[in-house]
PDB file of N, CA and C in Angstrom:
ATOM      1  N   UNK A   1     -46.865  38.872  23.083  1.00  0.00           N
ATOM      2  CA  UNK A   1     -46.340  40.186  22.797  1.00  0.00           C
ATOM      3  C   UNK A   1     -46.261  41.008  24.083  1.00  0.00           C
ATOM      4  N   UNK A   2     -47.322  40.965  24.895  1.00  0.00           N
ATOM      5  CA  UNK A   2     -47.314  41.724  26.147  1.00  0.00           C
ATOM      6  C   UNK A   2     -46.202  41.245  27.060  1.00  0.00           C
ATOM      7  N   UNK A   3     -45.989  39.925  27.060  1.00  0.00           N
ATOM      8  CA  UNK A   3     -44.959  39.370  27.932  1.00  0.00           C
ATOM      9  C   UNK A   3     -43.571  39.842  27.495  1.00  0.00           C
ATOM     10  N   UNK A   4     -43.366  39.942  26.192  1.00  0.00           N
ATOM     11  CA  UNK A   4     -42.074  40.414  25.702  1.00  0.00           C
ATOM     12  C   UNK A   4     -41.857  41.878  26.030  1.00  0.00           C
ATOM     13  N   UNK A   5     -42.924  42.674  26.010  1.00  0.00           N
ATOM     14  CA  UNK A   5     -42.790  44.067  26.423  1.00  0.00           C
ATOM     15  C   UNK A   5     -42.436  44.162  27.902  1.00  0.00           C
ATOM     16  N   UNK A   6     -42.999  43.258  28.700  1.00  0.00           N
ATOM     17  CA  UNK A   6     -42.647  43.218  30.119  1.00  0.00           C
ATOM     18  C   UNK A   6     -41.180  42.864  30.305  1.00  0.00           C
ATOM     19  N   UNK A   7     -40.669  41.995  29.433  1.00  0.00           N
ATOM     20  CA  UNK A   7     -39.259  41.614  29.505  1.00  0.00           C
ATOM     21  C   UNK A   7     -38.373  42.833  29.293  1.00  0.00           C
ATOM     22  N   UNK A   8     -38.753  43.666  28.327  1.00  0.00           N
ATOM     23  CA  UNK A   8     -37.973  44.881  28.090  1.00  0.00           C
ATOM     24  C   UNK A   8     -37.912  45.734  29.339  1.00  0.00           C
ATOM     25  N   UNK A   9     -39.030  45.819  30.045  1.00  0.00           N
ATOM     26  CA  UNK A   9     -39.056  46.600  31.280  1.00  0.00           C
ATOM     27  C   UNK A   9     -38.184  45.951  32.346  1.00  0.00           C
ATOM     28  N   UNK A  10     -38.127  44.607  32.349  1.00  0.00           N
ATOM     29  CA  UNK A  10     -37.375  43.891  33.371  1.00  0.00           C
ATOM     30  C   UNK A  10     -35.871  44.057  33.200  1.00  0.00           C
ATOM     31  N   UNK A  11     -35.421  44.270  31.962  1.00  0.00           N
ATOM     32  CA  UNK A  11     -33.973  44.399  31.781  1.00  0.00           C
ATOM     33  C   UNK A  11     -33.485  45.807  32.065  1.00  0.00           C
ATOM     34  N   UNK A  12     -34.399  46.700  32.315  1.00  0.00           N
ATOM     35  CA  UNK A  12     -34.039  48.070  32.675  1.00  0.00           C
ATOM     36  C   UNK A  12     -33.639  48.105  34.150  1.00  0.00           C
ATOM     37  N   UNK A  13     -32.610  48.875  34.508  1.00  0.00           N
ATOM     38  CA  UNK A  13     -32.219  48.984  35.912  1.00  0.00           C
ATOM     39  C   UNK A  13     -33.348  49.516  36.794  1.00  0.00           C
ATOM     40  N   UNK A  14     -34.241  50.304  36.230  1.00  0.00           N
ATOM     41  CA  UNK A  14     -35.341  50.840  37.024  1.00  0.00           C
ATOM     42  C   UNK A  14     -36.315  49.756  37.463  1.00  0.00           C
ATOM     43  N   UNK A  15     -36.317  48.626  36.781  1.00  0.00           N
ATOM     44  CA  UNK A  15     -37.258  47.562  37.107  1.00  0.00           C
ATOM     45  C   UNK A  15     -37.012  47.021  38.512  1.00  0.00           C
ATOM     46  N   UNK A  16     -35.797  47.090  38.995  1.00  0.00           N
ATOM     47  CA  UNK A  16     -35.475  46.555  40.307  1.00  0.00           C
ATOM     48  C   UNK A  16     -35.861  47.524  41.427  1.00  0.00           C
ATOM     49  N   UNK A  17     -35.686  48.802  41.189  1.00  0.00           N
ATOM     50  CA  UNK A  17     -35.928  49.787  42.231  1.00  0.00           C
ATOM     51  C   UNK A  17     -37.300  50.432  42.113  1.00  0.00           C
ATOM     52  N   UNK A  18     -37.976  50.193  41.037  1.00  0.00           N
ATOM     53  CA  UNK A  18     -39.264  50.831  40.804  1.00  0.00           C
ATOM     54  C   UNK A  18     -39.068  52.103  40.009  1.00  0.00           C
ATOM     55  N   UNK A  19     -40.104  52.523  39.342  1.00  0.00           N
ATOM     56  CA  UNK A  19     -39.982  53.716  38.503  1.00  0.00           C
ATOM     57  C   UNK A  19     -39.846  54.980  39.341  1.00  0.00           C
ATOM     58  N   UNK A  20     -39.179  55.981  38.802  1.00  0.00           N
ATOM     59  CA  UNK A  20     -39.037  57.234  39.536  1.00  0.00           C
ATOM     60  C   UNK A  20     -40.354  58.003  39.547  1.00  0.00           C
ATOM     61  N   UNK A  21     -40.528  58.908  40.490  1.00  0.00           N
ATOM     62  CA  UNK A  21     -41.744  59.718  40.525  1.00  0.00           C
ATOM     63  C   UNK A  21     -41.947  60.450  39.202  1.00  0.00           C
ATOM     64  N   UNK A  22     -43.176  60.490  38.744  1.00  0.00           N
ATOM     65  CA  UNK A  22     -43.495  61.162  37.497  1.00  0.00           C
ATOM     66  C   UNK A  22     -43.430  60.270  36.269  1.00  0.00           C
ATOM     67  N   UNK A  23     -43.022  59.014  36.464  1.00  0.00           N
ATOM     68  CA  UNK A  23     -42.960  58.115  35.313  1.00  0.00           C
ATOM     69  C   UNK A  23     -44.333  57.512  35.038  1.00  0.00           C
ATOM     70  N   UNK A  24     -44.498  56.950  33.871  1.00  0.00           N
ATOM     71  CA  UNK A  24     -45.785  56.377  33.484  1.00  0.00           C
ATOM     72  C   UNK A  24     -45.555  55.227  32.506  1.00  0.00           C
ATOM     73  N   UNK A  25     -46.457  54.260  32.480  1.00  0.00           N
ATOM     74  CA  UNK A  25     -46.328  53.160  31.518  1.00  0.00           C
ATOM     75  C   UNK A  25     -46.737  53.627  30.124  1.00  0.00           C
ATOM     76  N   UNK A  26     -46.124  53.025  29.123  1.00  0.00           N
ATOM     77  CA  UNK A  26     -46.456  53.389  27.754  1.00  0.00           C
ATOM     78  C   UNK A  26     -46.312  52.153  26.872  1.00  0.00           C
ATOM     79  N   UNK A  27     -47.371  51.801  26.165  1.00  0.00           N
ATOM     80  CA  UNK A  27     -47.303  50.691  25.233  1.00  0.00           C
ATOM     81  C   UNK A  27     -46.830  51.225  23.891  1.00  0.00           C
ATOM     82  N   UNK A  28     -45.858  50.524  23.318  1.00  0.00           N
ATOM     83  CA  UNK A  28     -45.306  50.955  22.045  1.00  0.00           C
ATOM     84  C   UNK A  28     -45.428  49.786  21.064  1.00  0.00           C
ATOM     85  N   UNK A  29     -46.204  49.967  20.010  1.00  0.00           N
ATOM     86  CA  UNK A  29     -46.329  48.879  19.030  1.00  0.00           C
ATOM     87  C   UNK A  29     -45.121  48.833  18.098  1.00  0.00           C
ATOM     88  N   UNK A  30     -44.482  47.689  18.012  1.00  0.00           N
ATOM     89  CA  UNK A  30     -43.389  47.496  17.074  1.00  0.00           C
ATOM     90  C   UNK A  30     -43.305  46.022  16.735  1.00  0.00           C
ATOM     91  N   UNK A  31     -42.606  45.718  15.668  1.00  0.00           N
ATOM     92  CA  UNK A  31     -42.511  44.347  15.171  1.00  0.00           C
ATOM     93  C   UNK A  31     -41.334  43.643  15.830  1.00  0.00           C
ATOM     94  N   UNK A  32     -41.567  42.422  16.267  1.00  0.00           N
ATOM     95  CA  UNK A  32     -40.508  41.554  16.770  1.00  0.00           C
ATOM     96  C   UNK A  32     -40.328  40.426  15.768  1.00  0.00           C
ATOM     97  N   UNK A  33     -39.101  40.003  15.569  1.00  0.00           N
ATOM     98  CA  UNK A  33     -38.834  38.839  14.737  1.00  0.00           C
ATOM     99  C   UNK A  33     -38.635  37.654  15.665  1.00  0.00           C
ATOM    100  N   UNK A  34     -39.482  36.632  15.528  1.00  0.00           N
ATOM    101  CA  UNK A  34     -39.484  35.494  16.441  1.00  0.00           C
ATOM    102  C   UNK A  34     -39.382  34.181  15.680  1.00  0.00           C
ATOM    103  N   UNK A  35     -38.979  33.131  16.403  1.00  0.00           N
ATOM    104  CA  UNK A  35     -38.908  31.784  15.846  1.00  0.00           C
ATOM    105  C   UNK A  35     -39.199  30.800  16.972  1.00  0.00           C
ATOM    106  N   UNK A  36     -39.817  29.689  16.640  1.00  0.00           N
ATOM    107  CA  UNK A  36     -40.137  28.666  17.643  1.00  0.00           C
ATOM    108  C   UNK A  36     -38.892  27.911  18.105  1.00  0.00           C
ATOM    109  N   UNK A  37     -37.841  27.897  17.286  1.00  0.00           N
ATOM    110  CA  UNK A  37     -36.612  27.176  17.626  1.00  0.00           C
ATOM    111  C   UNK A  37     -35.540  28.162  18.089  1.00  0.00           C
ATOM    112  N   UNK A  38     -35.177  28.069  19.362  1.00  0.00           N
ATOM    113  CA  UNK A  38     -34.204  28.988  19.958  1.00  0.00           C
ATOM    114  C   UNK A  38     -32.862  28.951  19.231  1.00  0.00           C
ATOM    115  N   UNK A  39     -32.357  27.757  18.959  1.00  0.00           N
ATOM    116  CA  UNK A  39     -31.047  27.621  18.318  1.00  0.00           C
ATOM    117  C   UNK A  39     -31.040  28.243  16.926  1.00  0.00           C
ATOM    118  N   UNK A  40     -32.134  28.072  16.191  1.00  0.00           N
ATOM    119  CA  UNK A  40     -32.230  28.636  14.844  1.00  0.00           C
ATOM    120  C   UNK A  40     -32.206  30.160  14.897  1.00  0.00           C
ATOM    121  N   UNK A  41     -32.938  30.741  15.835  1.00  0.00           N
ATOM    122  CA  UNK A  41     -32.980  32.200  15.946  1.00  0.00           C
ATOM    123  C   UNK A  41     -31.634  32.756  16.374  1.00  0.00           C
ATOM    124  N   UNK A  42     -31.009  32.137  17.364  1.00  0.00           N
ATOM    125  CA  UNK A  42     -29.700  32.612  17.815  1.00  0.00           C
ATOM    126  C   UNK A  42     -28.661  32.498  16.703  1.00  0.00           C
ATOM    127  N   UNK A  43     -28.700  31.407  15.947  1.00  0.00           N
ATOM    128  CA  UNK A  43     -27.764  31.239  14.834  1.00  0.00           C
ATOM    129  C   UNK A  43     -28.001  32.308  13.771  1.00  0.00           C
ATOM    130  N   UNK A  44     -29.261  32.615  13.491  1.00  0.00           N
ATOM    131  CA  UNK A  44     -29.589  33.635  12.490  1.00  0.00           C
ATOM    132  C   UNK A  44     -29.039  35.002  12.904  1.00  0.00           C
ATOM    133  N   UNK A  45     -29.193  35.346  14.178  1.00  0.00           N
ATOM    134  CA  UNK A  45     -28.670  36.631  14.658  1.00  0.00           C
ATOM    135  C   UNK A  45     -27.144  36.627  14.608  1.00  0.00           C
ATOM    136  N   UNK A  46     -26.545  35.528  15.057  1.00  0.00           N
ATOM    137  CA  UNK A  46     -25.087  35.448  15.051  1.00  0.00           C
ATOM    138  C   UNK A  46     -24.530  35.570  13.640  1.00  0.00           C
ATOM    139  N   UNK A  47     -25.108  34.857  12.692  1.00  0.00           N
ATOM    140  CA  UNK A  47     -24.561  34.879  11.335  1.00  0.00           C
ATOM    141  C   UNK A  47     -24.930  36.155  10.585  1.00  0.00           C
ATOM    142  N   UNK A  48     -26.117  36.696  10.827  1.00  0.00           N
ATOM    143  CA  UNK A  48     -26.540  37.921  10.130  1.00  0.00           C
ATOM    144  C   UNK A  48     -25.740  39.138  10.569  1.00  0.00           C
ATOM    145  N   UNK A  49     -25.500  39.244  11.880  1.00  0.00           N
ATOM    146  CA  UNK A  49     -24.837  40.434  12.420  1.00  0.00           C
ATOM    147  C   UNK A  49     -23.402  40.181  12.869  1.00  0.00           C
ATOM    148  N   UNK A  50     -22.912  38.936  12.671  1.00  0.00           N
ATOM    149  CA  UNK A  50     -21.561  38.551  13.081  1.00  0.00           C
ATOM    150  C   UNK A  50     -21.343  38.849  14.567  1.00  0.00           C
ATOM    151  N   UNK A  51     -22.308  38.460  15.398  1.00  0.00           N
ATOM    152  CA  UNK A  51     -22.238  38.703  16.844  1.00  0.00           C
ATOM    153  C   UNK A  51     -22.127  37.373  17.589  1.00  0.00           C
ATOM    154  N   UNK A  52     -21.566  37.429  18.781  1.00  0.00           N
ATOM    155  CA  UNK A  52     -21.477  36.250  19.631  1.00  0.00           C
ATOM    156  C   UNK A  52     -22.261  36.507  20.918  1.00  0.00           C
ATOM    157  N   UNK A  53     -22.667  35.448  21.581  1.00  0.00           N
ATOM    158  CA  UNK A  53     -23.398  35.584  22.843  1.00  0.00           C
ATOM    159  C   UNK A  53     -22.389  35.982  23.914  1.00  0.00           C
ATOM    160  N   UNK A  54     -22.550  37.194  24.445  1.00  0.00           N
ATOM    161  CA  UNK A  54     -21.600  37.696  25.434  1.00  0.00           C
ATOM    162  C   UNK A  54     -22.156  37.662  26.850  1.00  0.00           C
ATOM    163  N   UNK A  55     -23.476  37.512  26.984  1.00  0.00           N
ATOM    164  CA  UNK A  55     -24.087  37.518  28.311  1.00  0.00           C
ATOM    165  C   UNK A  55     -25.424  36.782  28.238  1.00  0.00           C
ATOM    166  N   UNK A  56     -25.715  35.976  29.241  1.00  0.00           N
ATOM    167  CA  UNK A  56     -27.023  35.332  29.360  1.00  0.00           C
ATOM    168  C   UNK A  56     -27.560  35.587  30.756  1.00  0.00           C
ATOM    169  N   UNK A  57     -28.882  35.575  30.884  1.00  0.00           N
ATOM    170  CA  UNK A  57     -29.490  35.802  32.187  1.00  0.00           C
ATOM    171  C   UNK A  57     -30.871  35.162  32.219  1.00  0.00           C
ATOM    172  N   UNK A  58     -31.174  34.491  33.326  1.00  0.00           N
ATOM    173  CA  UNK A  58     -32.528  33.984  33.533  1.00  0.00           C
ATOM    174  C   UNK A  58     -33.387  35.142  34.010  1.00  0.00           C
ATOM    175  N   UNK A  59     -34.610  35.212  33.503  1.00  0.00           N
ATOM    176  CA  UNK A  59     -35.516  36.299  33.846  1.00  0.00           C
ATOM    177  C   UNK A  59     -36.754  35.709  34.496  1.00  0.00           C
ATOM    178  N   UNK A  60     -37.284  36.411  35.466  1.00  0.00           N
ATOM    179  CA  UNK A  60     -38.494  35.963  36.136  1.00  0.00           C
ATOM    180  C   UNK A  60     -38.170  35.190  37.393  1.00  0.00           C
ATOM    181  N   UNK A  61     -39.154  35.092  38.253  1.00  0.00           N
ATOM    182  CA  UNK A  61     -38.953  34.412  39.535  1.00  0.00           C
ATOM    183  C   UNK A  61     -38.642  32.938  39.355  1.00  0.00           C
ATOM    184  N   UNK A  62     -39.226  32.327  38.347  1.00  0.00           N
ATOM    185  CA  UNK A  62     -39.030  30.901  38.120  1.00  0.00           C
ATOM    186  C   UNK A  62     -37.973  30.624  37.066  1.00  0.00           C
ATOM    187  N   UNK A  63     -37.362  31.656  36.534  1.00  0.00           N
ATOM    188  CA  UNK A  63     -36.348  31.476  35.506  1.00  0.00           C
ATOM    189  C   UNK A  63     -36.913  30.890  34.228  1.00  0.00           C
ATOM    190  N   UNK A  64     -38.182  31.198  33.950  1.00  0.00           N
ATOM    191  CA  UNK A  64     -38.838  30.615  32.781  1.00  0.00           C
ATOM    192  C   UNK A  64     -38.579  31.395  31.497  1.00  0.00           C
ATOM    193  N   UNK A  65     -37.817  32.452  31.591  1.00  0.00           N
ATOM    194  CA  UNK A  65     -37.438  33.225  30.411  1.00  0.00           C
ATOM    195  C   UNK A  65     -35.921  33.354  30.394  1.00  0.00           C
ATOM    196  N   UNK A  66     -35.367  33.488  29.197  1.00  0.00           N
ATOM    197  CA  UNK A  66     -33.919  33.592  29.057  1.00  0.00           C
ATOM    198  C   UNK A  66     -33.584  34.799  28.196  1.00  0.00           C
ATOM    199  N   UNK A  67     -32.631  35.586  28.659  1.00  0.00           N
ATOM    200  CA  UNK A  67     -32.166  36.767  27.938  1.00  0.00           C
ATOM    201  C   UNK A  67     -30.775  36.490  27.393  1.00  0.00           C
ATOM    202  N   UNK A  68     -30.563  36.850  26.137  1.00  0.00           N
ATOM    203  CA  UNK A  68     -29.248  36.729  25.507  1.00  0.00           C
ATOM    204  C   UNK A  68     -28.823  38.101  25.016  1.00  0.00           C
ATOM    205  N   UNK A  69     -27.614  38.491  25.345  1.00  0.00           N
ATOM    206  CA  UNK A  69     -27.020  39.712  24.814  1.00  0.00           C
ATOM    207  C   UNK A  69     -25.918  39.257  23.860  1.00  0.00           C
ATOM    208  N   UNK A  70     -26.025  39.656  22.605  1.00  0.00           N
ATOM    209  CA  UNK A  70     -25.031  39.300  21.603  1.00  0.00           C
ATOM    210  C   UNK A  70     -24.328  40.574  21.165  1.00  0.00           C
ATOM    211  N   UNK A  71     -23.043  40.471  20.852  1.00  0.00           N
ATOM    212  CA  UNK A  71     -22.322  41.661  20.422  1.00  0.00           C
ATOM    213  C   UNK A  71     -21.169  41.318  19.497  1.00  0.00           C
ATOM    214  N   UNK A  72     -20.764  42.305  18.721  1.00  0.00           N
ATOM    215  CA  UNK A  72     -19.588  42.233  17.874  1.00  0.00           C
ATOM    216  C   UNK A  72     -18.696  43.411  18.242  1.00  0.00           C
ATOM    217  N   UNK A  73     -17.611  43.169  18.951  1.00  0.00           N
ATOM    218  CA  UNK A  73     -16.759  44.273  19.387  1.00  0.00           C
ATOM    219  C   UNK A  73     -16.059  44.980  18.227  1.00  0.00           C
ATOM    220  N   UNK A  74     -15.955  44.334  17.072  1.00  0.00           N
ATOM    221  CA  UNK A  74     -15.276  44.960  15.940  1.00  0.00           C
ATOM    222  C   UNK A  74     -16.089  46.104  15.351  1.00  0.00           C
ATOM    223  N   UNK A  75     -17.392  45.885  15.127  1.00  0.00           N
ATOM    224  CA  UNK A  75     -18.212  46.968  14.559  1.00  0.00           C
ATOM    225  C   UNK A  75     -19.146  47.597  15.594  1.00  0.00           C
ATOM    226  N   UNK A  76     -19.023  47.176  16.851  1.00  0.00           N
ATOM    227  CA  UNK A  76     -19.781  47.724  17.978  1.00  0.00           C
ATOM    228  C   UNK A  76     -21.298  47.546  17.836  1.00  0.00           C
ATOM    229  N   UNK A  77     -21.717  46.460  17.183  1.00  0.00           N
ATOM    230  CA  UNK A  77     -23.152  46.171  17.118  1.00  0.00           C
ATOM    231  C   UNK A  77     -23.528  45.262  18.275  1.00  0.00           C
ATOM    232  N   UNK A  78     -24.808  45.272  18.633  1.00  0.00           N
ATOM    233  CA  UNK A  78     -25.297  44.387  19.694  1.00  0.00           C
ATOM    234  C   UNK A  78     -26.766  44.076  19.445  1.00  0.00           C
ATOM    235  N   UNK A  79     -27.193  42.929  19.959  1.00  0.00           N
ATOM    236  CA  UNK A  79     -28.583  42.496  19.837  1.00  0.00           C
ATOM    237  C   UNK A  79     -29.052  41.948  21.171  1.00  0.00           C
ATOM    238  N   UNK A  80     -30.352  42.083  21.415  1.00  0.00           N
ATOM    239  CA  UNK A  80     -30.979  41.484  22.591  1.00  0.00           C
ATOM    240  C   UNK A  80     -31.993  40.474  22.083  1.00  0.00           C
ATOM    241  N   UNK A  81     -31.866  39.232  22.544  1.00  0.00           N
ATOM    242  CA  UNK A  81     -32.758  38.147  22.162  1.00  0.00           C
ATOM    243  C   UNK A  81     -33.338  37.559  23.440  1.00  0.00           C
ATOM    244  N   UNK A  82     -34.640  37.278  23.448  1.00  0.00           N
ATOM    245  CA  UNK A  82     -35.301  36.723  24.628  1.00  0.00           C
ATOM    246  C   UNK A  82     -36.091  35.482  24.224  1.00  0.00           C
ATOM    247  N   UNK A  83     -35.986  34.433  25.051  1.00  0.00           N
ATOM    248  CA  UNK A  83     -36.781  33.227  24.867  1.00  0.00           C
ATOM    249  C   UNK A  83     -37.832  33.177  25.962  1.00  0.00           C
ATOM    250  N   UNK A  84     -39.088  32.998  25.544  1.00  0.00           N
ATOM    251  CA  UNK A  84     -40.204  32.944  26.483  1.00  0.00           C
ATOM    252  C   UNK A  84     -41.362  32.194  25.836  1.00  0.00           C
ATOM    253  N   UNK A  85     -42.042  31.362  26.607  1.00  0.00           N
ATOM    254  CA  UNK A  85     -43.229  30.643  26.131  1.00  0.00           C
ATOM    255  C   UNK A  85     -42.995  29.907  24.820  1.00  0.00           C
ATOM    256  N   UNK A  86     -41.851  29.271  24.674  1.00  0.00           N
ATOM    257  CA  UNK A  86     -41.586  28.446  23.507  1.00  0.00           C
ATOM    258  C   UNK A  86     -41.249  29.197  22.235  1.00  0.00           C
ATOM    259  N   UNK A  87     -40.939  30.492  22.346  1.00  0.00           N
ATOM    260  CA  UNK A  87     -40.498  31.222  21.168  1.00  0.00           C
ATOM    261  C   UNK A  87     -39.346  32.148  21.541  1.00  0.00           C
ATOM    262  N   UNK A  88     -38.480  32.367  20.573  1.00  0.00           N
ATOM    263  CA  UNK A  88     -37.310  33.207  20.772  1.00  0.00           C
ATOM    264  C   UNK A  88     -37.423  34.400  19.840  1.00  0.00           C
ATOM    265  N   UNK A  89     -37.278  35.609  20.406  1.00  0.00           N
ATOM    266  CA  UNK A  89     -37.497  36.824  19.633  1.00  0.00           C
ATOM    267  C   UNK A  89     -36.297  37.763  19.712  1.00  0.00           C
ATOM    268  N   UNK A  90     -35.999  38.365  18.564  1.00  0.00           N
ATOM    269  CA  UNK A  90     -35.025  39.443  18.502  1.00  0.00           C
ATOM    270  C   UNK A  90     -35.747  40.698  18.960  1.00  0.00           C
ATOM    271  N   UNK A  91     -35.351  41.228  20.114  1.00  0.00           N
ATOM    272  CA  UNK A  91     -36.011  42.377  20.715  1.00  0.00           C
ATOM    273  C   UNK A  91     -35.409  43.684  20.216  1.00  0.00           C
ATOM    274  N   UNK A  92     -34.093  43.692  20.066  1.00  0.00           N
ATOM    275  CA  UNK A  92     -33.411  44.947  19.739  1.00  0.00           C
ATOM    276  C   UNK A  92     -32.105  44.643  19.029  1.00  0.00           C
ATOM    277  N   UNK A  93     -31.730  45.487  18.082  1.00  0.00           N
ATOM    278  CA  UNK A  93     -30.425  45.431  17.449  1.00  0.00           C
ATOM    279  C   UNK A  93     -29.942  46.856  17.285  1.00  0.00           C
ATOM    280  N   UNK A  94     -28.731  47.130  17.705  1.00  0.00           N
ATOM    281  CA  UNK A  94     -28.221  48.493  17.627  1.00  0.00           C
ATOM    282  C   UNK A  94     -26.750  48.539  17.269  1.00  0.00           C
ATOM    283  N   UNK A  95     -26.297  49.739  16.971  1.00  0.00           N
ATOM    284  CA  UNK A  95     -24.903  49.964  16.586  1.00  0.00           C
ATOM    285  C   UNK A  95     -24.234  50.933  17.542  1.00  0.00           C
ATOM    286  N   UNK A  96     -22.925  51.055  17.403  1.00  0.00           N
ATOM    287  CA  UNK A  96     -22.106  51.984  18.194  1.00  0.00           C
ATOM    288  C   UNK A  96     -22.230  51.760  19.695  1.00  0.00           C
ATOM    289  N   UNK A  97     -22.204  50.501  20.091  1.00  0.00           N
ATOM    290  CA  UNK A  97     -22.264  50.133  21.507  1.00  0.00           C
ATOM    291  C   UNK A  97     -20.959  50.518  22.197  1.00  0.00           C
ATOM    292  N   UNK A  98     -21.081  51.071  23.375  1.00  0.00           N
ATOM    293  CA  UNK A  98     -19.903  51.404  24.166  1.00  0.00           C
ATOM    294  C   UNK A  98     -20.011  50.757  25.535  1.00  0.00           C
ATOM    295  N   UNK A  99     -18.941  50.124  25.977  1.00  0.00           N
ATOM    296  CA  UNK A  99     -18.890  49.572  27.323  1.00  0.00           C
ATOM    297  C   UNK A  99     -18.402  50.676  28.255  1.00  0.00           C
ATOM    298  N   UNK A 100     -19.111  50.894  29.329  1.00  0.00           N
ATOM    299  CA  UNK A 100     -18.778  51.950  30.269  1.00  0.00           C
ATOM    300  C   UNK A 100     -18.093  51.370  31.500  1.00  0.00           C
ATOM    301  N   UNK A 101     -17.290  52.182  32.162  1.00  0.00           N
ATOM    302  CA  UNK A 101     -16.630  51.756  33.393  1.00  0.00           C
ATOM    303  C   UNK A 101     -17.650  51.706  34.520  1.00  0.00           C
ATOM    304  N   UNK A 102     -17.425  50.791  35.439  1.00  0.00           N
ATOM    305  CA  UNK A 102     -18.295  50.709  36.618  1.00  0.00           C
ATOM    306  C   UNK A 102     -18.090  51.956  37.470  1.00  0.00           C
ATOM    307  N   UNK A 103     -19.183  52.591  37.897  1.00  0.00           N
ATOM    308  CA  UNK A 103     -19.033  53.798  38.728  1.00  0.00           C
ATOM    309  C   UNK A 103     -18.530  53.439  40.126  1.00  0.00           C
ATOM    310  N   UNK A 104     -18.013  54.451  40.813  1.00  0.00           N
ATOM    311  CA  UNK A 104     -17.518  54.239  42.180  1.00  0.00           C
ATOM    312  C   UNK A 104     -18.638  53.809  43.114  1.00  0.00           C
ATOM    313  N   UNK A 105     -19.846  54.317  42.861  1.00  0.00           N
ATOM    314  CA  UNK A 105     -20.980  53.994  43.731  1.00  0.00           C
ATOM    315  C   UNK A 105     -22.220  53.776  42.875  1.00  0.00           C
ATOM    316  N   UNK A 106     -22.981  52.736  43.186  1.00  0.00           N
ATOM    317  CA  UNK A 106     -24.234  52.447  42.493  1.00  0.00           C
ATOM    318  C   UNK A 106     -25.365  52.635  43.498  1.00  0.00           C
ATOM    319  N   UNK A 107     -26.290  53.560  43.243  1.00  0.00           N
ATOM    320  CA  UNK A 107     -27.385  53.811  44.184  1.00  0.00           C
ATOM    321  C   UNK A 107     -28.253  52.564  44.417  1.00  0.00           C
ATOM    322  N   UNK A 108     -28.814  52.474  45.602  1.00  0.00           N
ATOM    323  CA  UNK A 108     -29.726  51.372  45.919  1.00  0.00           C
ATOM    324  C   UNK A 108     -31.065  51.942  46.353  1.00  0.00           C
ATOM    325  N   UNK A 109     -32.053  51.076  46.536  1.00  0.00           N
ATOM    326  CA  UNK A 109     -33.390  51.503  46.950  1.00  0.00           C
ATOM    327  C   UNK A 109     -33.371  52.231  48.284  1.00  0.00           C
ATOM    328  N   UNK A 110     -32.413  51.919  49.141  1.00  0.00           N
ATOM    329  CA  UNK A 110     -32.349  52.497  50.476  1.00  0.00           C
ATOM    330  C   UNK A 110     -31.838  53.936  50.478  1.00  0.00           C
ATOM    331  N   UNK A 111     -31.206  54.343  49.382  1.00  0.00           N
ATOM    332  CA  UNK A 111     -30.661  55.704  49.294  1.00  0.00           C
ATOM    333  C   UNK A 111     -31.796  56.732  49.181  1.00  0.00           C
ATOM    334  N   UNK A 112     -31.529  57.901  49.713  1.00  0.00           N
ATOM    335  CA  UNK A 112     -32.435  59.033  49.510  1.00  0.00           C
ATOM    336  C   UNK A 112     -32.155  59.590  48.124  1.00  0.00           C
ATOM    337  N   UNK A 113     -33.130  60.280  47.551  1.00  0.00           N
ATOM    338  CA  UNK A 113     -32.901  60.906  46.248  1.00  0.00           C
ATOM    339  C   UNK A 113     -31.756  61.898  46.372  1.00  0.00           C
ATOM    340  N   UNK A 114     -30.849  61.805  45.435  1.00  0.00           N
ATOM    341  CA  UNK A 114     -29.658  62.663  45.474  1.00  0.00           C
ATOM    342  C   UNK A 114     -29.830  63.788  44.470  1.00  0.00           C
TER     343      UNK A 114
END
């Protein structure tokens, strides 16, 4: 469970640059739906929410975790599924997803606070 919470932090853009001043860690208890078989869990999410895998990413230095982003562009739903330590968990499911345009400039760690 702790490892999956860390995964949530890793998929945040702040995870790469470090948290901003004044931020703090917070543990939030919530239920995750998990399965030992990755294919079974992904199929369940795909068929339940009519979503397809639109993005995958290896997580961690050794690539020992896998992130799946599933979405349905028709009803704008999306799900985040993560595989780690032999189990696959539905981390998040949401509605009204919007794809945003890439900004002209993306700040980096080397930038001064703007």
